[in-house]
Protein backbone atom coordinates (compact mmCIF):
# COMPACT_ATOMS: atom_id res chain seq x y z
CA ALA A 1 -5.74 7.19 -67.87
CA THR A 2 -8.26 4.72 -66.97
CA ALA A 3 -6.71 3.59 -63.82
CA TYR A 4 -3.30 4.13 -61.61
CA ASN A 5 -0.99 1.89 -59.57
CA VAL A 6 1.04 3.13 -56.63
CA TRP A 7 4.45 2.27 -55.40
CA VAL A 8 5.58 3.24 -51.94
CA ASP A 9 9.11 2.78 -50.63
CA ARG A 10 9.84 3.23 -46.80
CA ILE A 11 12.98 5.51 -46.24
CA SER A 12 14.93 4.61 -43.02
CA THR A 13 18.55 3.29 -42.19
CA THR A 14 17.82 0.93 -44.96
CA THR A 15 15.25 1.58 -47.87
CA THR A 16 12.22 -0.92 -47.77
CA SER A 17 11.36 -1.13 -51.47
CA GLN A 18 7.66 -1.66 -52.39
CA PHE A 19 6.47 -1.18 -48.63
CA TYR A 20 3.10 -0.60 -50.17
CA ARG A 21 2.04 -1.56 -53.93
CA ALA A 22 -1.68 -1.04 -55.13
CA SER A 23 -2.58 -1.78 -58.68
CA ASN A 24 -5.47 -0.58 -61.09
CA ILE A 25 -7.05 2.08 -58.52
CA VAL A 26 -10.15 3.55 -60.15
CA GLY A 27 -9.95 7.51 -59.44
CA VAL A 28 -7.20 9.87 -58.32
CA SER A 29 -6.71 8.97 -54.55
CA GLN A 30 -6.59 5.94 -52.40
CA THR A 31 -6.83 5.54 -48.48
CA VAL A 32 -4.29 2.78 -47.63
CA THR A 33 -5.40 -0.57 -45.82
CA LYS A 34 -2.44 -1.15 -43.60
CA ASP A 35 -0.85 1.10 -40.86
CA PHE A 36 2.36 3.03 -41.73
CA PRO A 37 4.95 3.23 -38.86
CA ILE A 38 6.15 7.01 -38.50
CA GLY A 39 8.77 7.99 -40.69
CA LYS A 40 9.67 9.12 -44.31
CA TYR A 41 8.04 7.51 -47.30
CA ARG A 42 8.74 8.14 -51.29
CA VAL A 43 5.88 7.38 -53.62
CA TRP A 44 5.30 7.03 -57.24
CA VAL A 45 2.16 6.89 -59.37
CA GLN A 46 1.56 5.33 -62.59
CA PRO A 47 -1.25 5.68 -65.06
CA VAL A 48 -2.82 2.94 -66.72
CA TYR A 49 -4.32 3.13 -70.46
CA GLY A 50 -6.38 0.20 -70.93
CA ALA A 51 -4.03 -2.66 -71.28
CA THR A 52 -1.06 -0.33 -71.48
CA ASN A 53 1.11 1.10 -68.53
CA GLY A 54 2.44 4.77 -68.58
CA TYR A 55 5.43 6.15 -67.08
CA TYR A 56 5.85 6.44 -63.26
CA SER A 57 5.66 10.04 -61.93
CA ALA A 58 8.54 11.85 -60.29
CA PRO A 59 9.09 10.71 -56.71
CA SER A 60 7.05 12.73 -53.88
CA ASP A 61 8.29 12.17 -50.26
CA ILE A 62 5.56 11.98 -47.40
CA TYR A 63 5.99 11.81 -43.78
CA VAL A 64 3.92 9.65 -41.25
CA LEU A 65 3.95 11.60 -38.05
CA THR A 66 1.67 9.68 -35.94
CA PRO A 67 1.15 11.04 -32.26
CA THR A 68 1.95 8.95 -29.34
CA ALA A 69 -0.88 8.08 -26.92
CA PHE A 70 -0.53 7.90 -23.31
CA LYS A 71 -1.60 4.73 -21.15
CA SER A 72 -4.61 5.60 -18.97
CA ALA A 73 -3.51 6.49 -15.48
CA PRO A 74 -5.15 8.48 -12.65
CA ALA A 75 -4.48 12.14 -12.94
CA THR A 76 -3.70 12.50 -9.40
CA GLN A 77 -0.41 10.62 -8.49
CA VAL A 78 0.13 9.53 -4.86
CA VAL A 79 4.09 9.07 -5.05
CA SER A 80 6.87 11.82 -5.59
CA ARG A 81 8.16 9.89 -8.64
CA PRO A 82 5.23 9.04 -10.80
CA THR A 83 5.83 6.57 -13.71
CA ILE A 84 4.58 8.05 -17.07
CA SER A 85 3.72 5.30 -19.53
CA TRP A 86 2.52 5.37 -23.10
CA ASN A 87 1.71 2.62 -25.83
CA ALA A 88 4.32 1.61 -28.17
CA LEU A 89 4.60 3.43 -31.60
CA PRO A 90 5.13 1.59 -34.74
CA GLY A 91 8.29 2.77 -36.38
CA ALA A 92 9.72 4.49 -33.17
CA VAL A 93 13.03 3.46 -31.75
CA ASN A 94 13.13 6.54 -29.12
CA TYR A 95 10.68 8.78 -27.41
CA ASP A 96 11.06 12.51 -26.56
CA VAL A 97 9.54 13.27 -23.27
CA TRP A 98 8.67 16.79 -22.24
CA VAL A 99 7.42 17.90 -18.76
CA ASP A 100 6.48 21.30 -17.49
CA ARG A 101 5.46 22.25 -14.05
CA VAL A 102 2.43 24.55 -14.15
CA SER A 103 2.82 26.48 -10.92
CA PRO A 104 5.29 28.14 -10.27
CA ALA A 105 5.96 27.71 -13.93
CA GLN A 106 8.90 25.91 -15.27
CA SER A 107 9.26 24.73 -18.75
CA GLN A 108 11.13 21.60 -19.50
CA LEU A 109 11.43 20.43 -16.27
CA ILE A 110 12.06 17.26 -17.68
CA ARG A 111 13.32 16.78 -21.39
CA GLN A 112 14.57 13.53 -21.89
CA LEU A 113 15.01 10.95 -24.64
CA VAL A 114 14.17 7.34 -23.79
CA SER A 115 13.94 3.92 -25.74
CA THR A 116 11.43 2.40 -23.45
CA THR A 117 7.62 3.07 -23.07
CA SER A 118 7.79 4.67 -19.59
CA LEU A 119 9.80 7.19 -17.56
CA THR A 120 10.18 7.54 -13.92
CA PRO A 121 11.90 10.86 -12.58
CA SER A 122 15.27 10.45 -11.08
CA ALA A 123 14.43 12.98 -8.47
CA ASP A 124 11.12 13.73 -6.57
CA LEU A 125 8.92 15.98 -7.96
CA THR A 126 7.47 18.79 -5.75
CA MET A 127 3.83 18.90 -4.88
CA GLY A 128 1.87 20.50 -7.85
CA SER A 129 0.37 20.40 -11.31
CA TYR A 130 2.24 19.23 -14.36
CA ARG A 131 1.76 18.91 -17.95
CA VAL A 132 3.54 16.01 -20.04
CA TRP A 133 4.03 15.33 -23.87
CA ILE A 134 5.67 12.56 -25.78
CA ARG A 135 6.73 12.31 -29.50
CA GLY A 136 8.14 9.06 -31.26
CA ILE A 137 11.40 9.12 -33.32
CA ASP A 138 12.24 6.86 -35.92
CA ALA A 139 15.71 5.42 -36.63
CA ILE A 140 16.87 8.12 -38.96
CA GLY A 141 15.46 10.93 -36.51
CA THR A 142 12.05 11.64 -38.09
CA ALA A 143 9.93 12.67 -34.94
CA GLY A 144 6.12 12.29 -34.91
CA VAL A 145 3.84 14.93 -33.84
CA TRP A 146 3.52 15.58 -30.13
CA SER A 147 0.97 13.70 -28.07
CA PRO A 148 -2.12 15.58 -26.55
CA VAL A 149 -0.94 17.21 -23.41
CA TYR A 150 -1.41 14.71 -20.43
CA ASN A 151 -2.17 16.58 -17.05
CA ILE A 152 -1.15 15.35 -13.59
CA ASN A 153 -1.20 16.61 -10.10
CA VAL A 154 1.74 15.00 -8.06
CA LEU A 155 0.14 14.68 -4.33
CA PRO A 156 2.28 12.28 -2.35
CA THR A 157 0.60 10.37 0.42
CA VAL A 158 2.24 11.17 3.96
CA THR A 159 3.57 8.02 5.57
CA PRO A 160 3.46 7.62 9.31
CA ILE A 161 6.84 6.52 10.71
CA GLY A 162 8.21 5.69 14.20
CA THR A 163 5.00 5.80 15.84
CA ALA A 164 3.79 2.84 17.77
CA SER A 165 0.54 1.16 17.29
CA SER A 166 0.18 1.44 21.31
CA THR A 167 1.72 3.41 23.94
CA PHE A 168 1.57 4.24 27.71
CA ASP A 169 2.78 7.67 26.74
CA ARG A 170 -0.42 10.15 27.02
CA THR A 171 1.15 12.84 24.63
CA PRO A 172 2.62 10.55 21.86
CA THR A 173 4.77 11.95 19.35
CA PHE A 174 3.26 11.57 15.90
CA ALA A 175 5.77 11.51 13.14
CA TRP A 176 5.81 11.09 9.36
CA ASN A 177 7.99 11.28 6.35
CA ALA A 178 8.76 14.67 4.57
CA VAL A 179 7.01 15.31 1.24
CA THR A 180 8.89 17.54 -1.36
CA GLY A 181 7.40 20.64 -1.87
CA ALA A 182 5.12 20.72 1.33
CA ALA A 183 4.81 23.72 2.68
CA ARG A 184 2.88 22.64 5.85
CA TYR A 185 1.16 19.75 7.17
CA GLU A 186 -2.13 19.30 8.77
CA VAL A 187 -2.53 16.70 11.66
CA THR A 188 -5.93 15.32 12.73
CA VAL A 189 -6.58 13.08 15.69
CA ARG A 190 -9.89 11.37 16.02
CA ASN A 191 -11.43 9.27 18.91
CA ALA A 192 -11.77 5.77 17.10
CA THR A 193 -15.04 4.95 18.87
CA THR A 194 -16.98 8.18 18.19
CA SER A 195 -14.99 9.86 15.32
CA ALA A 196 -14.97 13.16 16.95
CA ILE A 197 -11.93 15.04 16.49
CA VAL A 198 -9.83 15.52 19.39
CA TYR A 199 -6.87 17.40 17.95
CA ASN A 200 -6.42 19.24 14.70
CA ALA A 201 -3.19 20.85 14.09
CA GLN A 202 -3.59 22.99 10.94
CA SER A 203 -0.16 24.40 10.45
CA THR A 204 2.87 22.46 11.26
CA THR A 205 5.88 23.06 9.41
CA THR A 206 7.92 20.08 11.13
CA ILE A 207 7.41 16.45 10.27
CA SER A 208 6.45 15.40 13.78
CA TRP A 209 3.73 16.83 16.09
CA THR A 210 3.34 16.15 20.10
CA PRO A 211 0.00 17.05 21.86
CA THR A 212 0.19 19.48 24.70
CA VAL A 213 -2.56 17.91 26.73
CA ASP A 214 -2.73 14.40 27.93
CA LEU A 215 -5.01 12.13 25.80
CA PRO A 216 -7.44 9.94 27.49
CA ASN A 217 -6.72 6.34 27.48
CA GLY A 218 -8.47 4.58 24.50
CA PRO A 219 -8.19 3.98 20.87
CA TYR A 220 -7.50 6.81 18.29
CA LYS A 221 -7.11 7.40 14.70
CA TRP A 222 -4.52 9.88 13.37
CA SER A 223 -3.78 11.19 9.91
CA VAL A 224 -1.59 13.77 8.37
CA VAL A 225 -2.14 15.76 5.02
CA ALA A 226 0.59 17.51 3.14
CA VAL A 227 -0.45 20.97 1.69
CA SER A 228 1.73 22.57 -1.15
CA SER A 229 2.70 26.39 -1.22
CA VAL A 230 0.24 29.02 -2.25
CA ALA A 231 2.39 29.41 -5.42
CA SER A 232 1.94 25.68 -6.37
CA GLY A 233 -1.81 25.93 -5.88
CA GLY A 234 -2.32 25.46 -2.20
CA LEU A 235 -3.05 21.50 -3.11
CA LYS A 236 -3.45 18.89 -0.47
CA SER A 237 -2.45 15.21 -0.47
CA ALA A 238 -5.15 12.28 0.41
CA ALA A 239 -5.11 11.47 4.13
CA VAL A 240 -4.29 7.96 5.32
CA ALA A 241 -5.52 7.16 8.79
CA SER A 242 -3.15 5.21 11.48
CA ASP A 243 -4.47 3.42 14.57
CA ILE A 244 -2.78 4.08 17.92
CA TYR A 245 -4.01 2.96 21.47
CA VAL A 246 -3.34 5.26 24.28
CA GLY A 247 -2.96 3.17 27.56
CA GLY A 248 -0.62 0.41 26.03
CA ARG A 249 -3.30 -2.08 24.92
CA PRO A 250 -1.35 -4.66 22.89
CA THR A 251 -3.07 -6.42 19.66
CA ILE A 252 -2.27 -9.87 19.02
CA VAL A 253 -1.27 -10.55 15.34
CA ALA A 254 -0.66 -14.54 15.35
CA PRO A 255 -2.46 -16.67 15.40
CA VAL A 256 -5.05 -15.10 13.29
CA ALA A 257 -8.67 -14.92 14.83
CA ASP A 258 -10.56 -18.10 14.19
CA SER A 259 -7.58 -19.84 12.71
CA SER A 260 -7.05 -23.67 13.00
CA LEU A 261 -3.63 -24.74 13.55
CA SER A 262 -1.75 -28.07 13.09
CA VAL A 263 0.83 -27.41 15.44
CA LYS A 264 0.51 -28.53 18.90
CA THR A 265 2.86 -25.86 20.49
CA PRO A 266 1.42 -22.70 19.08
CA ALA A 267 3.31 -19.43 19.15
CA LEU A 268 1.41 -16.25 20.43
CA THR A 269 2.63 -12.86 18.85
CA TRP A 270 1.71 -9.41 19.54
CA ARG A 271 2.78 -5.99 18.30
CA PRO A 272 5.06 -4.21 20.78
CA VAL A 273 3.70 -1.39 23.05
CA ASP A 274 5.66 1.79 23.52
CA GLY A 275 6.70 2.17 27.12
CA ALA A 276 5.96 -1.40 28.01
CA ALA A 277 8.57 -3.15 30.39
CA SER A 278 6.97 -6.36 30.07
CA TYR A 279 3.66 -8.40 29.01
CA GLU A 280 1.44 -10.83 30.62
CA LEU A 281 -0.26 -13.65 28.48
CA TRP A 282 -3.30 -15.59 29.52
CA VAL A 283 -4.92 -18.47 27.52
CA ASP A 284 -8.22 -20.44 28.31
CA ARG A 285 -9.44 -23.50 26.73
CA THR A 286 -13.03 -23.04 25.86
CA ASP A 287 -14.53 -26.19 24.30
CA VAL A 288 -13.71 -27.57 27.70
CA PRO A 289 -13.87 -24.89 29.87
CA GLN A 290 -10.67 -24.14 31.53
CA ALA A 291 -8.92 -20.98 32.63
CA LYS A 292 -5.33 -20.10 32.19
CA ILE A 293 -4.19 -23.23 30.57
CA LEU A 294 -1.37 -21.05 29.55
CA PHE A 295 -0.37 -18.05 31.91
CA ARG A 296 2.81 -16.15 32.11
CA THR A 297 3.94 -12.85 33.47
CA ALA A 298 6.88 -10.82 33.08
CA LEU A 299 7.52 -11.66 29.37
CA THR A 300 9.98 -9.39 27.92
CA ALA A 301 9.55 -10.54 24.29
CA THR A 302 6.50 -10.12 21.90
CA SER A 303 6.29 -13.73 21.19
CA PHE A 304 5.52 -16.91 23.36
CA THR A 305 5.41 -20.27 22.52
CA ALA A 306 3.64 -23.05 24.44
CA PRO A 307 6.50 -25.22 26.11
CA ALA A 308 4.31 -28.30 25.98
CA ALA A 309 1.79 -29.87 23.57
CA LEU A 310 -1.78 -28.61 23.96
CA PRO A 311 -4.82 -31.05 23.46
CA VAL A 312 -6.79 -30.86 20.32
CA GLY A 313 -9.57 -28.26 21.22
CA THR A 314 -10.37 -24.54 20.94
CA TYR A 315 -8.70 -21.67 22.80
CA ARG A 316 -8.90 -17.93 23.39
CA GLY A 317 -6.01 -15.86 24.13
CA TRP A 318 -5.14 -12.44 25.53
CA VAL A 319 -2.08 -10.21 26.48
CA ARG A 320 -1.80 -7.01 28.48
CA ALA A 321 1.21 -4.81 28.87
CA VAL A 322 2.96 -3.67 32.06
CA SER A 323 4.69 -0.29 31.89
CA GLY A 324 8.17 0.84 33.27
CA THR A 325 6.05 2.14 36.58
CA GLY A 326 3.83 -0.85 37.08
CA THR A 327 0.89 0.27 35.48
CA PHE A 328 -1.31 -2.41 33.77
CA SER A 329 -2.99 -1.94 30.28
CA ILE A 330 -6.36 -3.43 29.38
CA TYR A 331 -6.26 -6.91 27.82
CA SER A 332 -6.03 -7.07 24.14
CA GLN A 333 -8.99 -8.12 22.07
CA GLY A 334 -9.15 -11.87 22.56
CA VAL A 335 -8.21 -14.12 19.78
CA ARG A 336 -9.97 -17.38 19.23
CA PHE A 337 -7.90 -20.31 17.60
CA THR A 338 -8.28 -24.02 17.16
CA ILE A 339 -5.59 -26.84 17.66
CA THR A 340 -6.68 -29.65 15.23
CA ALA A 341 -3.52 -31.75 15.01
CA ALA A 342 -3.64 -35.14 16.99
CA VAL A 343 -1.41 -35.30 19.99
CA ALA A 344 0.51 -38.72 20.13
CA PRO A 345 -0.55 -41.12 23.03
CA GLY A 346 1.40 -39.98 26.16
CA ALA A 347 2.39 -36.61 24.69
CA GLU A 348 -0.59 -34.79 25.62
CA THR A 349 -0.14 -32.18 28.41
CA VAL A 350 -1.54 -33.09 31.80
CA LEU A 351 -4.17 -30.55 32.67
CA PRO A 352 -5.40 -29.64 36.27
CA GLU A 353 -8.22 -31.96 37.48
CA TYR A 354 -10.51 -28.65 38.03
CA GLN A 355 -12.53 -27.65 35.11
CA LEU A 356 -14.66 -24.46 35.03
CA THR A 357 -18.20 -24.68 34.64
CA SER A 358 -18.32 -21.21 32.75
CA LEU A 359 -15.99 -18.43 31.49
CA SER A 360 -16.37 -15.55 33.45
CA ARG A 361 -14.92 -14.98 36.79
CA SER A 362 -16.02 -12.74 39.69
CA ASP A 363 -13.04 -13.86 41.99
CA PHE A 364 -10.28 -11.66 40.89
CA THR A 365 -7.20 -10.95 42.99
CA GLN A 366 -6.02 -7.30 43.04
CA GLU A 367 -3.34 -8.25 40.44
CA GLU A 368 -6.08 -9.72 38.12
CA GLN A 369 -8.23 -6.65 38.04
CA PHE A 370 -7.89 -6.06 34.37
CA ALA A 371 -8.21 -9.60 33.32
CA PRO A 372 -10.61 -11.03 30.73
CA SER A 373 -13.80 -11.17 31.86
CA ARG A 374 -15.01 -14.83 33.27
CA SER A 375 -16.96 -16.10 36.29
CA VAL A 376 -17.36 -19.47 37.97
CA SER A 377 -20.11 -20.74 40.16
CA GLU A 378 -19.88 -20.23 43.99
CA SER A 379 -18.93 -23.65 44.52
CA ALA A 380 -16.13 -23.73 41.94
CA LYS A 381 -14.47 -20.31 43.53
CA GLU A 382 -12.13 -22.35 45.77
CA ASN A 383 -11.16 -24.67 43.29
CA SER A 384 -10.50 -22.07 40.76
CA VAL A 385 -7.96 -20.36 42.97
CA ASN A 386 -6.19 -23.79 43.64
CA ALA A 387 -6.22 -24.57 40.18
CA HIS A 388 -4.39 -21.43 39.36
CA LYS A 389 -1.66 -22.33 41.88
CA ARG A 390 -1.39 -25.73 40.52
CA ILE A 391 -0.98 -24.52 36.92
CA CYS A 392 1.55 -22.02 37.90
CA GLY A 393 3.54 -24.69 39.91
CA LEU A 394 3.55 -26.84 36.74
CA GLY A 395 5.15 -24.21 34.73
CA PHE A 396 3.01 -24.53 31.58
């Protein structure tokens, strides 16, 4: 023979004749130039003698059993039901998924046939290490070889629940979601200013924890780590820190700091404070200095909308909380915002005649001892008090 012809049929639910043909091959082997889907194939070889073709050989069946490839994913999964994904395998109509738990060992914890290229467990996986394999299966049940093993650690992040971002309670209860397979939890409370650890509860088996000693007023960051059993390797989840302010200081969430507003009657919104009976709102105009252009006490909602149009200008607002026992928090961080919309003639809010010469005050009443810092010149103090009275009287 001077050459060879090759004929390949694909054997599936229907036979694809001449799926591959090659003619006048010199030598006794050939590497095909196209990918074959997984499955069964039937091959014939025909010798060529110069200008004459010989008889085809007896058929020979071969199988293409390409392994499935996983899509790239983190080795540590932070949810209890991680989605396992892989690349589509040509010729596969189903995929056989095999999952073992490493410790404590359990073979075929999941063994499932799916037609898609991903699988999300129908139940939570316990904290621990797992090994996963996939193989493709064609329409007539021919299975490819198993993929290389994919090793993952399932270490769900602990999610804080039900704990306010600010509270008057100096022994607040910290609570979080349960993590399947967690043997215990580690709670850490840090001073948000200094990062110093205030509490470090190393072995809490419940899903909440309460300090036994009062926390001083101030900002804190707290986090919880779930720890698996010794049998599962004593693995730890990642810590996610949450903020809490002990002492009831509110946080304004709208308007956003340094934002420009087209609405002339802006709404100020703040996060609720645990233990607050009411709130006090204070807004100054800063481009044309004027204190308490908006001032309200005894607010029971966590939002307040200016009842009258504000002039175009720049403002700064603060909120403080009042507990059920009459304790005042310090004021929130000031939020600066600008009113940009033009006010129709005659619709602009009438402001008091008095204007401040600066934005810090030293003439606080006892009730204003926690107010935002501001002062006026000595010659303006009396006018400041009178202006405050006029503002309150006008009701805006």
